[in-house]
Amino acid sequence: MEEILSEVINNLKQVVDCSSQISQWSLVIFGGSVATIIGTSHHKPAQLSLKLTYFLFVPAWAFLAISLWQGDKLVRSYLSSLFVKEDMIPKISQSINELYLDQMSFLKYSLLCLGFWLLIYLAAWIFIEEKVRDE
């Protein structure tokens, strides 16, 4: 029984490691998206309708925040599994699996928002001609 418990804890540790990688990616994506908005090295649209697409960053950031929050809860659940009675491990293990799936799902939702923005941005960049200002 002790070997099985040790194997379960080891497997949970691997899930925590994967969750940490997702959290790192979430932070990188968040930083990159903020840099995109405040940066000056890309073409910013002049039309209001295209500028409004930048609001797609808001739900993307919310999804990234939820993903990070799920990852934090996952790590806390793992740590609690190290200090509880053996009969609680299956329940904690199930909780960790659900948190991991949620964390991954919210990361994907954020990528969908950012991907949709990028698709609109590229289409506008390719198909909409803007007058070049003389400076």
Foldseek 3Di string as FASTA:
>chain_A
DVVVLVVLLVVLVVLLVVLVVLLVVLVVVLVVLVCVVPPDPDDDDPDPVLNVLNCLQVLLNVLSVLLNVLSVVLVVLSVVLVPDDPVCSVVSSVSNVVSSVSSVVSNVVSVVSVVVNVVSVVCCVPPPDDDDDDD
